[in-house]
Amino acid sequence: MIDNKMTRGVSAGALAALLSACGHLPIAEPAFEAMSDKRAGLPADWTVGQMTGETAAIVADYSVFQDAQLIAFVQEALENNRSLRAAIESVRQSEMALQQVRSRLLPQVGASLGASIGAPVDDLSNSTDRYSFGLSASYDFDIMGDLSASIQASAAGLRSSEAVYEQARRQIAAQVARSYFAIIEQQLQLALDRQSLDRQRQTFRITQTRFDAGSIARDELVLGESRLAIAEDSIIATEASLRAAVRALETALGRFPQNKLAIQGTLPQPPATPPLGLPELTIRSRPDVVAAELNMIQTFADTRIAQMGPWPQLDSTLSLGVSNSTINTTSDLFSFDDFALSLGASLAQSIFDGGAIDARVKSAESRERAALERYGQTVINAYAEIVGAIDQFDTLGSRNVALQKASDAAQEVLRLGELKYQEGSESLLNLFTVRDSAETAESNLISNRRARLDQWIVLHTALGGDPTKATPLATAANTADGAPVAQ
């Protein structure tokens, strides 16, 4: 008979030794310490030139544009975009993977029930009925800590996929907003082209009248015909660009592109620069960086599992069960008189494997180092992206002031040039030169207005979306046991 006290003492001693050696050691803390080292040198502020835009805090979402149609399109895309639907399925797959791993923490219970009848082939009437019933339960103790590491790896993978999904949602919203403003820009450019065509037609009528009267040479008439054809070509090209922009938006919305959208909006004034927090917190709240940090937790957990390979593998199983069988009766089939309890343990150690375990450990450690370097570069790239977006947004704001002045001046020069041409004191060639300058200035102003909106969206996305609703940071505390990150 086994001495229970002795068994408990040996098990406790072995368990303590093994836990201190390898299993159940912290995984999240070393990962975050390593990532913190890779963030060393991150500037404490945003190293950009003085900003000319208003830096007042705003509600950093697309309702800031106060465009009901845009908001409706963003909501539609988040509900119907097929790529986004596929991304949420990846999250669900990660959830199921975590559930599978966590199920190993619970006892495994099984039952069986069977019945059969048998008789000799020469006497089929002499049959025998056999019945069987079995019930078993078992529980595997996570002595080495490999299950704990696997749970942390799966939990980190799940949260990483959730962060990737959130990043995809924000990118889809940004794509819809940019496509929406691109359509409005093309509508404004088309209106400008049509206005140019009307001017060319009016000028050509005057030119034709003067040519018929013999007051100008044929070269001016041909020049007028050429410019009229160029204006018509510009309309055809801009209409094609408008159709392409509409199809792009329809595709982002999850619709078949059929050029059926009717956009009624206008280009709003870009909002002020989104509020900026401390660089480290802002960067770490970006969904892509959150995903990178959680991937690091997963990598550290995988390395921990590999590092357990060289150690002796101790397994312990507790089992409960009963197995009954009866003949020609079921009266004692469900009896628990023979219910049995068993406790088993095994210790296994690889003696020689040709260096396979050592190679797996070194490979896992190499992947960990590579992942850390990629994480460090991700942080640098995120900072550079935000700084670049801020600078570009500010630059476009400064350019807008200059372009507005240039457009106003060019429009006045055009007004005076057309008056002079109608009076006969301005040549047709000079009028076309002045008109080209005015139309180019106005077109550049429209393009810059849309570019500023685009850049605000780029900056908004680079900052991780709405700073007031940032993705929760991953920390050692909330990733230690696979529990959900607090929202």
Protein backbone atom coordinates (compact mmCIF):
# COMPACT_ATOMS: atom_id res chain seq x y z
CA MET A 1 0.00 0.00 0.00
CA ILE A 2 1.29 3.46 -0.93
CA ASP A 3 2.02 5.83 1.94
CA ASN A 4 -0.12 8.90 1.15
CA LYS A 5 1.94 11.23 3.35
CA MET A 6 5.14 10.17 1.66
CA THR A 7 3.58 10.58 -1.78
CA ARG A 8 2.40 14.09 -1.02
CA GLY A 9 5.80 15.02 0.34
CA VAL A 10 7.65 13.76 -2.71
CA SER A 11 5.19 15.39 -5.09
CA ALA A 12 5.40 18.75 -3.31
CA GLY A 13 9.18 18.65 -3.27
CA ALA A 14 9.44 17.76 -6.95
CA LEU A 15 6.88 20.37 -7.83
CA ALA A 16 8.72 23.13 -5.98
CA ALA A 17 12.03 22.20 -7.59
CA LEU A 18 10.63 22.12 -11.08
CA LEU A 19 8.66 25.33 -10.70
CA SER A 20 11.74 27.14 -9.52
CA ALA A 21 13.70 25.72 -12.45
CA CYS A 22 11.44 26.32 -15.41
CA GLY A 23 7.65 26.14 -15.20
CA HIS A 24 5.25 28.94 -14.32
CA LEU A 25 7.89 31.66 -14.46
CA PRO A 26 6.71 35.15 -15.48
CA ILE A 27 6.47 35.64 -19.22
CA ALA A 28 4.84 39.04 -19.67
CA GLU A 29 7.25 40.94 -17.39
CA PRO A 30 10.45 39.98 -19.26
CA ALA A 31 8.73 40.70 -22.57
CA PHE A 32 7.72 44.21 -21.51
CA GLU A 33 11.16 44.88 -20.07
CA ALA A 34 12.73 43.89 -23.39
CA MET A 35 10.27 46.04 -25.35
CA SER A 36 10.95 48.97 -23.04
CA ASP A 37 14.64 48.69 -23.89
CA LYS A 38 13.76 48.87 -27.59
CA ARG A 39 11.84 52.12 -26.96
CA ALA A 40 14.90 53.70 -25.35
CA GLY A 41 15.72 57.02 -26.95
CA LEU A 42 12.13 57.73 -27.99
CA PRO A 43 11.81 61.55 -27.95
CA ALA A 44 9.79 63.03 -25.11
CA ASP A 45 7.99 65.41 -27.46
CA TRP A 46 7.04 65.71 -31.11
CA THR A 47 10.15 66.92 -32.91
CA VAL A 48 8.61 69.06 -35.64
CA GLY A 49 8.77 72.71 -36.60
CA GLN A 50 6.39 75.26 -35.18
CA MET A 51 2.85 74.42 -36.18
CA THR A 52 0.74 77.05 -37.89
CA GLY A 53 -2.57 75.24 -37.45
CA GLU A 54 -4.88 75.65 -34.48
CA THR A 55 -4.02 72.97 -31.90
CA ALA A 56 -7.24 73.16 -29.88
CA ALA A 57 -8.56 69.78 -28.86
CA ILE A 58 -11.30 68.38 -31.06
CA VAL A 59 -13.47 65.30 -31.10
CA ALA A 60 -11.26 63.24 -33.39
CA ASP A 61 -13.73 61.22 -35.39
CA TYR A 62 -15.45 61.70 -38.71
CA SER A 63 -18.45 63.47 -37.20
CA VAL A 64 -16.11 66.44 -36.93
CA PHE A 65 -16.80 67.08 -40.62
CA GLN A 66 -20.53 67.50 -39.86
CA ASP A 67 -21.49 65.60 -43.00
CA ALA A 68 -24.38 63.19 -42.47
CA GLN A 69 -23.80 61.42 -45.80
CA LEU A 70 -20.15 60.75 -44.96
CA ILE A 71 -21.05 59.35 -41.55
CA ALA A 72 -23.67 57.09 -43.14
CA PHE A 73 -21.10 55.79 -45.63
CA VAL A 74 -18.56 55.08 -42.87
CA GLN A 75 -21.16 53.14 -40.90
CA GLU A 76 -22.19 51.21 -44.01
CA ALA A 77 -18.60 50.25 -44.77
CA LEU A 78 -17.98 49.04 -41.23
CA GLU A 79 -21.05 46.81 -41.51
CA ASN A 80 -20.73 45.57 -45.10
CA ASN A 81 -17.07 45.59 -46.13
CA ARG A 82 -16.14 41.99 -46.96
CA SER A 83 -12.49 42.34 -45.94
CA LEU A 84 -13.61 43.56 -42.54
CA ARG A 85 -15.98 40.63 -42.20
CA ALA A 86 -13.09 38.29 -42.98
CA ALA A 87 -10.97 40.04 -40.35
CA ILE A 88 -13.56 39.48 -37.62
CA GLU A 89 -13.58 35.79 -38.51
CA SER A 90 -9.85 35.73 -37.77
CA VAL A 91 -10.66 37.12 -34.32
CA ARG A 92 -13.25 34.39 -33.79
CA GLN A 93 -10.72 31.74 -34.83
CA SER A 94 -8.29 33.09 -32.24
CA GLU A 95 -11.05 32.98 -29.64
CA MET A 96 -11.69 29.32 -30.39
CA ALA A 97 -7.97 28.53 -30.31
CA LEU A 98 -7.73 30.07 -26.84
CA GLN A 99 -10.82 28.17 -25.73
CA GLN A 100 -9.24 24.90 -26.87
CA VAL A 101 -6.06 25.58 -24.89
CA ARG A 102 -7.94 26.71 -21.79
CA SER A 103 -10.08 23.56 -21.87
CA ARG A 104 -7.02 21.64 -20.70
CA LEU A 105 -7.35 23.39 -17.34
CA LEU A 106 -10.59 21.52 -16.72
CA PRO A 107 -11.19 17.83 -15.95
CA GLN A 108 -11.99 15.63 -18.92
CA VAL A 109 -15.16 13.57 -18.35
CA GLY A 110 -16.40 10.76 -20.58
CA ALA A 111 -19.13 8.13 -20.54
CA SER A 112 -19.97 5.08 -22.60
CA LEU A 113 -23.00 2.83 -22.84
CA GLY A 114 -23.26 -0.26 -25.00
CA ALA A 115 -25.40 -3.30 -25.71
CA SER A 116 -24.85 -6.38 -27.83
CA ILE A 117 -26.47 -9.74 -28.50
CA GLY A 118 -24.71 -12.90 -29.50
CA ALA A 119 -25.63 -16.56 -30.20
CA PRO A 120 -23.97 -19.65 -31.68
CA VAL A 121 -24.56 -20.01 -35.39
CA ASP A 122 -26.00 -23.50 -34.89
CA ASP A 123 -28.38 -22.42 -32.13
CA LEU A 124 -29.55 -18.86 -32.79
CA SER A 125 -32.35 -19.16 -30.24
CA ASN A 126 -29.78 -19.47 -27.45
CA SER A 127 -28.80 -15.80 -27.43
CA THR A 128 -26.90 -13.81 -24.79
CA ASP A 129 -27.43 -10.14 -24.08
CA ARG A 130 -24.41 -8.14 -22.94
CA TYR A 131 -24.54 -4.61 -21.53
CA SER A 132 -21.71 -2.26 -20.66
CA PHE A 133 -21.43 1.09 -18.92
CA GLY A 134 -18.39 3.20 -18.28
CA LEU A 135 -17.76 6.57 -16.65
CA SER A 136 -14.36 8.21 -16.42
CA ALA A 137 -12.89 11.53 -15.37
CA SER A 138 -9.27 12.66 -15.52
CA TYR A 139 -7.27 15.75 -14.78
CA ASP A 140 -3.73 16.55 -15.91
CA PHE A 141 -1.71 18.78 -13.60
CA ASP A 142 0.24 21.56 -15.29
CA ILE A 143 3.37 20.85 -13.31
CA MET A 144 5.90 22.03 -15.87
CA GLY A 145 3.99 25.20 -16.77
CA ASP A 146 3.81 24.48 -20.49
CA LEU A 147 0.02 24.79 -20.40
CA SER A 148 0.27 28.15 -18.65
CA ALA A 149 2.69 29.36 -21.31
CA SER A 150 0.44 28.04 -24.07
CA ILE A 151 -2.55 29.90 -22.61
CA GLN A 152 -0.58 33.15 -22.47
CA ALA A 153 0.56 32.65 -26.05
CA SER A 154 -3.00 32.01 -27.26
CA ALA A 155 -4.43 34.90 -25.22
CA ALA A 156 -1.82 37.27 -26.61
CA GLY A 157 -2.56 36.00 -30.11
CA LEU A 158 -6.26 36.66 -29.59
CA ARG A 159 -5.73 40.20 -28.39
CA SER A 160 -3.28 40.81 -31.20
CA SER A 161 -5.90 39.74 -33.75
CA GLU A 162 -8.41 42.04 -32.03
CA ALA A 163 -5.98 44.95 -32.37
CA VAL A 164 -5.39 44.09 -36.04
CA TYR A 165 -9.16 44.04 -36.56
CA GLU A 166 -9.48 47.46 -34.92
CA GLN A 167 -6.70 48.76 -37.17
CA ALA A 168 -8.56 47.39 -40.20
CA ARG A 169 -11.79 49.12 -39.09
CA ARG A 170 -10.00 52.45 -38.81
CA GLN A 171 -8.30 52.00 -42.15
CA ILE A 172 -11.62 51.19 -43.82
CA ALA A 173 -13.20 54.31 -42.29
CA ALA A 174 -10.24 56.39 -43.49
CA GLN A 175 -10.50 54.87 -46.98
CA VAL A 176 -14.20 55.73 -47.17
CA ALA A 177 -13.63 59.31 -46.04
CA ARG A 178 -10.76 59.83 -48.49
CA SER A 179 -12.76 58.33 -51.36
CA TYR A 180 -15.72 60.51 -50.44
CA PHE A 181 -13.65 63.70 -50.53
CA ALA A 182 -11.96 62.55 -53.76
CA ILE A 183 -15.40 62.40 -55.41
CA ILE A 184 -16.24 65.90 -54.23
CA GLU A 185 -12.90 67.18 -55.52
CA GLN A 186 -13.55 65.65 -58.94
CA GLN A 187 -17.01 67.22 -58.97
CA LEU A 188 -15.45 70.63 -58.29
CA GLN A 189 -12.79 70.05 -60.93
CA LEU A 190 -15.50 69.03 -63.40
CA ALA A 191 -17.45 72.19 -62.62
CA LEU A 192 -14.24 74.19 -63.20
CA ASP A 193 -13.66 72.40 -66.54
CA ARG A 194 -17.21 73.11 -67.65
CA GLN A 195 -16.82 76.75 -66.70
CA SER A 196 -13.61 76.82 -68.73
CA LEU A 197 -15.45 75.29 -71.70
CA ASP A 198 -18.15 77.97 -71.48
CA ARG A 199 -15.45 80.65 -71.49
CA GLN A 200 -13.74 79.05 -74.47
CA ARG A 201 -17.00 78.91 -76.38
CA GLN A 202 -17.76 82.55 -75.61
CA THR A 203 -14.25 83.58 -76.64
CA PHE A 204 -14.43 81.50 -79.80
CA ARG A 205 -17.67 83.19 -80.84
CA ILE A 206 -15.94 86.56 -80.55
CA THR A 207 -12.93 85.21 -82.42
CA GLN A 208 -15.13 83.78 -85.19
CA THR A 209 -16.95 87.11 -85.57
CA ARG A 210 -13.68 89.03 -85.82
CA PHE A 211 -12.28 86.54 -88.32
CA ASP A 212 -15.41 86.78 -90.47
CA ALA A 213 -15.05 90.58 -90.36
CA GLY A 214 -11.41 90.27 -91.48
CA SER A 215 -9.98 91.93 -88.38
CA ILE A 216 -7.82 88.98 -87.27
CA ALA A 217 -5.71 86.39 -89.05
CA ARG A 218 -6.63 82.73 -89.42
CA ASP A 219 -3.98 81.62 -86.90
CA GLU A 220 -6.03 83.17 -84.07
CA LEU A 221 -9.14 81.33 -85.27
CA VAL A 222 -7.27 78.00 -85.36
CA LEU A 223 -5.82 78.74 -81.93
CA GLY A 224 -9.33 79.28 -80.63
CA GLU A 225 -10.50 75.98 -82.16
CA SER A 226 -7.56 74.16 -80.55
CA ARG A 227 -8.26 75.57 -77.10
CA LEU A 228 -11.94 74.70 -77.44
CA ALA A 229 -11.06 71.07 -78.21
CA ILE A 230 -8.62 70.96 -75.28
CA ALA A 231 -11.39 72.18 -72.95
CA GLU A 232 -13.72 69.45 -74.22
CA ASP A 233 -11.01 66.83 -73.67
CA SER A 234 -10.46 68.01 -70.09
CA ILE A 235 -14.14 67.43 -69.35
CA ILE A 236 -14.00 63.90 -70.74
CA ALA A 237 -10.91 63.08 -68.64
CA THR A 238 -12.35 64.59 -65.46
CA GLU A 239 -15.64 62.74 -65.92
CA ALA A 240 -13.66 59.48 -66.17
CA SER A 241 -11.77 60.36 -62.96
CA LEU A 242 -15.08 61.10 -61.24
CA ARG A 243 -16.52 57.75 -62.28
CA ALA A 244 -13.39 55.97 -61.01
CA ALA A 245 -13.66 57.77 -57.67
CA VAL A 246 -17.31 56.77 -57.31
CA ARG A 247 -16.49 53.14 -58.07
CA ALA A 248 -13.70 53.19 -55.48
CA LEU A 249 -16.14 54.38 -52.82
CA GLU A 250 -18.76 51.82 -53.83
CA THR A 251 -16.14 49.08 -53.53
CA ALA A 252 -15.09 50.27 -50.06
CA LEU A 253 -18.76 50.22 -49.02
CA GLY A 254 -19.03 46.56 -50.00
CA ARG A 255 -21.23 47.30 -53.02
CA PHE A 256 -20.76 46.26 -56.60
CA PRO A 257 -19.28 49.31 -58.38
CA GLN A 258 -21.97 50.63 -60.71
CA ASN A 259 -21.51 54.43 -60.51
CA LYS A 260 -24.87 54.86 -58.80
CA LEU A 261 -23.82 56.97 -55.81
CA ALA A 262 -25.13 60.53 -55.68
CA ILE A 263 -22.75 62.66 -53.62
CA GLN A 264 -24.16 65.99 -52.50
CA GLY A 265 -21.49 67.15 -50.04
CA THR A 266 -18.85 69.87 -50.28
CA LEU A 267 -15.25 70.05 -49.19
CA PRO A 268 -15.31 71.25 -45.58
CA GLN A 269 -12.56 73.19 -43.90
CA PRO A 270 -10.11 70.71 -42.37
CA PRO A 271 -10.35 70.42 -38.59
CA ALA A 272 -7.47 71.54 -36.42
CA THR A 273 -4.57 69.26 -35.70
CA PRO A 274 -5.76 66.35 -33.52
CA PRO A 275 -4.61 66.63 -29.90
CA LEU A 276 -1.22 65.12 -29.24
CA GLY A 277 -0.35 63.18 -26.12
CA LEU A 278 3.05 62.06 -24.90
CA PRO A 279 4.86 60.25 -27.72
CA GLU A 280 5.32 56.93 -25.91
CA LEU A 281 1.71 56.65 -24.77
CA THR A 282 0.38 57.86 -28.13
CA ILE A 283 2.51 55.41 -30.10
CA ARG A 284 1.77 52.48 -27.80
CA SER A 285 -1.98 53.13 -28.10
CA ARG A 286 -1.90 52.66 -31.88
CA PRO A 287 -3.61 49.37 -32.76
CA ASP A 288 -0.66 48.21 -34.86
CA VAL A 289 1.80 48.81 -32.01
CA VAL A 290 -0.58 47.18 -29.53
CA ALA A 291 -0.67 44.17 -31.86
CA ALA A 292 3.14 44.19 -32.08
CA GLU A 293 3.48 44.19 -28.28
CA LEU A 294 1.01 41.34 -27.92
CA ASN A 295 2.88 39.42 -30.60
CA MET A 296 5.98 39.86 -28.47
CA ILE A 297 4.18 38.30 -25.50
CA GLN A 298 3.24 35.39 -27.74
CA THR A 299 6.85 35.04 -28.94
CA PHE A 300 8.20 35.05 -25.37
CA ALA A 301 5.64 32.40 -24.39
CA ASP A 302 6.63 30.22 -27.34
CA THR A 303 10.28 30.59 -26.35
CA ARG A 304 9.46 29.57 -22.79
CA ILE A 305 7.78 26.41 -24.05
CA ALA A 306 10.83 25.57 -26.16
CA GLN A 307 13.18 26.20 -23.22
CA MET A 308 11.34 23.53 -21.21
CA GLY A 309 12.45 20.91 -23.72
CA PRO A 310 15.84 20.05 -22.13
CA TRP A 311 14.31 19.60 -18.67
CA PRO A 312 12.91 16.32 -17.38
CA GLN A 313 9.23 16.20 -18.21
CA LEU A 314 7.11 15.41 -15.17
CA ASP A 315 3.45 14.58 -15.80
CA SER A 316 0.83 13.82 -13.18
CA THR A 317 -2.73 12.61 -13.81
CA LEU A 318 -5.64 12.11 -11.46
CA SER A 319 -8.30 9.71 -12.75
CA LEU A 320 -11.68 8.55 -11.51
CA GLY A 321 -13.72 5.88 -13.23
CA VAL A 322 -16.01 2.92 -13.21
CA SER A 323 -16.51 0.20 -15.82
CA ASN A 324 -19.37 -2.32 -15.54
CA SER A 325 -20.61 -5.11 -17.77
CA THR A 326 -23.58 -7.46 -17.29
CA ILE A 327 -25.08 -10.44 -19.09
CA ASN A 328 -28.80 -10.75 -19.74
CA THR A 329 -29.63 -8.12 -17.14
CA THR A 330 -29.16 -4.40 -16.49
CA SER A 331 -29.84 -4.48 -12.75
CA ASP A 332 -26.23 -3.79 -11.71
CA LEU A 333 -25.15 -1.97 -14.85
CA PHE A 334 -25.04 1.47 -13.22
CA SER A 335 -23.54 0.35 -9.93
CA PHE A 336 -20.71 2.46 -8.50
CA ASP A 337 -19.44 -0.17 -6.11
CA ASP A 338 -16.28 -0.59 -8.21
CA PHE A 339 -15.63 3.15 -8.56
CA ALA A 340 -11.84 3.56 -8.70
CA LEU A 341 -9.46 6.44 -8.02
CA SER A 342 -5.96 6.49 -9.47
CA LEU A 343 -3.08 8.94 -9.29
CA GLY A 344 -0.27 8.54 -11.75
CA ALA A 345 3.00 10.33 -12.37
CA SER A 346 5.73 9.93 -14.93
CA LEU A 347 9.18 11.42 -15.34
CA ALA A 348 10.82 11.37 -18.74
CA GLN A 349 14.15 12.72 -19.93
CA SER A 350 15.62 12.72 -23.39
CA ILE A 351 19.15 11.28 -23.25
CA PHE A 352 20.29 11.76 -26.83
CA ASP A 353 18.42 13.38 -29.71
CA GLY A 354 21.27 14.54 -31.95
CA GLY A 355 20.91 18.14 -30.78
CA ALA A 356 17.28 18.53 -31.91
CA ILE A 357 16.05 20.03 -28.62
CA ASP A 358 18.98 22.42 -28.40
CA ALA A 359 18.34 23.52 -31.99
CA ARG A 360 14.66 24.16 -31.22
CA VAL A 361 15.60 26.29 -28.20
CA LYS A 362 18.15 28.31 -30.14
CA SER A 363 15.71 28.75 -33.01
CA ALA A 364 13.02 30.04 -30.61
CA GLU A 365 15.49 32.43 -28.97
CA SER A 366 16.56 33.68 -32.40
CA ARG A 367 12.92 34.32 -33.34
CA GLU A 368 12.52 36.21 -30.08
CA ARG A 369 15.52 38.44 -30.83
CA ALA A 370 14.30 39.04 -34.38
CA ALA A 371 10.82 39.92 -33.12
CA LEU A 372 12.31 42.40 -30.66
CA GLU A 373 14.25 44.13 -33.43
CA ARG A 374 11.15 44.29 -35.60
CA TYR A 375 9.24 45.75 -32.67
CA GLY A 376 11.90 48.42 -32.17
CA GLN A 377 11.69 49.37 -35.83
CA THR A 378 7.87 49.44 -35.61
CA VAL A 379 8.11 52.04 -32.83
CA ILE A 380 10.56 54.15 -34.85
CA ASN A 381 8.35 53.90 -37.94
CA ALA A 382 5.27 54.88 -35.93
CA TYR A 383 7.00 57.98 -34.55
CA ALA A 384 8.26 58.91 -38.01
CA GLU A 385 4.80 58.44 -39.50
CA ILE A 386 3.17 60.72 -36.94
CA VAL A 387 5.85 63.40 -37.21
CA GLY A 388 5.67 63.28 -41.01
CA ALA A 389 1.87 63.49 -40.96
CA ILE A 390 1.93 66.49 -38.62
CA ASP A 391 4.52 68.27 -40.76
CA GLN A 392 2.68 67.56 -44.02
CA PHE A 393 -0.68 68.66 -42.57
CA ASP A 394 0.90 71.90 -41.36
CA THR A 395 2.66 72.45 -44.68
CA LEU A 396 -0.57 72.08 -46.64
CA GLY A 397 -2.20 74.60 -44.33
CA SER A 398 0.54 77.12 -45.07
CA ARG A 399 0.33 76.41 -48.79
CA ASN A 400 -3.41 76.96 -48.74
CA VAL A 401 -2.92 80.57 -47.68
CA ALA A 402 -0.49 81.18 -50.55
CA LEU A 403 -2.66 79.33 -53.09
CA GLN A 404 -5.73 81.33 -52.07
CA LYS A 405 -3.85 84.58 -52.64
CA ALA A 406 -2.56 83.32 -55.99
CA SER A 407 -6.05 82.24 -57.09
CA ASP A 408 -7.66 85.56 -56.07
CA ALA A 409 -4.99 87.54 -57.93
CA ALA A 410 -5.21 85.32 -61.02
CA GLN A 411 -9.02 85.67 -61.13
CA GLU A 412 -8.68 89.46 -61.07
CA VAL A 413 -6.08 89.38 -63.85
CA LEU A 414 -8.43 87.14 -65.87
CA ARG A 415 -11.35 89.51 -65.35
CA LEU A 416 -9.28 92.43 -66.63
CA GLY A 417 -7.86 90.36 -69.51
CA GLU A 418 -11.33 89.36 -70.74
CA LEU A 419 -12.48 92.97 -70.66
CA LYS A 420 -9.43 94.02 -72.69
CA TYR A 421 -10.02 91.22 -75.22
CA GLN A 422 -13.65 92.21 -75.66
CA GLU A 423 -12.48 95.79 -76.25
CA GLY A 424 -9.90 94.55 -78.76
CA SER A 425 -6.85 95.69 -76.78
CA GLU A 426 -5.69 92.19 -75.76
CA SER A 427 -4.47 89.42 -78.03
CA LEU A 428 -6.10 86.01 -77.97
CA LEU A 429 -2.81 84.35 -77.05
CA ASN A 430 -2.35 86.61 -74.03
CA LEU A 431 -5.94 85.96 -72.98
CA PHE A 432 -5.38 82.21 -73.09
CA THR A 433 -2.19 82.59 -71.06
CA VAL A 434 -4.00 84.60 -68.40
CA ARG A 435 -6.93 82.17 -68.41
CA ASP A 436 -4.63 79.14 -68.04
CA SER A 437 -2.96 80.79 -65.07
CA ALA A 438 -6.28 81.52 -63.37
CA GLU A 439 -7.74 78.07 -63.97
CA THR A 440 -4.55 76.34 -62.84
CA ALA A 441 -4.49 78.42 -59.66
CA GLU A 442 -8.10 77.57 -58.87
CA SER A 443 -7.56 73.90 -59.66
CA ASN A 444 -4.49 73.80 -57.40
CA LEU A 445 -6.51 75.42 -54.62
CA ILE A 446 -9.22 72.75 -54.91
CA SER A 447 -6.61 69.97 -54.93
CA ASN A 448 -4.88 71.42 -51.89
CA ARG A 449 -8.16 71.66 -49.98
CA ARG A 450 -8.78 67.98 -50.61
CA ALA A 451 -5.15 67.14 -49.81
CA ARG A 452 -5.48 68.87 -46.43
CA LEU A 453 -8.55 66.76 -45.66
CA ASP A 454 -6.70 63.65 -46.75
CA GLN A 455 -3.73 64.56 -44.59
CA TRP A 456 -5.92 65.19 -41.57
CA ILE A 457 -7.30 61.67 -42.04
CA VAL A 458 -3.74 60.32 -42.39
CA LEU A 459 -2.72 62.08 -39.17
CA HIS A 460 -5.90 60.96 -37.43
CA THR A 461 -5.10 57.36 -38.41
CA ALA A 462 -1.40 57.68 -37.55
CA LEU A 463 -2.33 58.77 -34.04
CA GLY A 464 -4.35 55.58 -33.69
CA GLY A 465 -7.76 57.11 -34.30
CA ASP A 466 -9.69 59.01 -31.69
CA PRO A 467 -7.16 59.81 -28.91
CA THR A 468 -10.04 60.01 -26.42
CA LYS A 469 -10.90 56.36 -27.18
CA ALA A 470 -7.45 54.85 -27.57
CA THR A 471 -6.87 51.11 -27.74
CA PRO A 472 -6.09 49.87 -24.20
CA LEU A 473 -2.37 49.42 -23.66
CA ALA A 474 -1.08 45.93 -23.13
CA THR A 475 0.68 45.63 -19.75
CA ALA A 476 2.37 42.85 -17.83
CA ALA A 477 -0.51 42.83 -15.35
CA ASN A 478 -3.34 42.39 -17.84
CA THR A 479 -1.59 39.80 -19.99
CA ALA A 480 -0.23 37.55 -17.24
CA ASP A 481 -3.07 35.03 -17.04
CA GLY A 482 -5.02 35.35 -20.27
CA ALA A 483 -7.67 37.61 -18.74
CA PRO A 484 -9.31 40.19 -21.06
CA VAL A 485 -7.70 43.63 -21.33
CA ALA A 486 -9.91 46.18 -19.55
CA GLN A 487 -11.68 48.49 -21.96
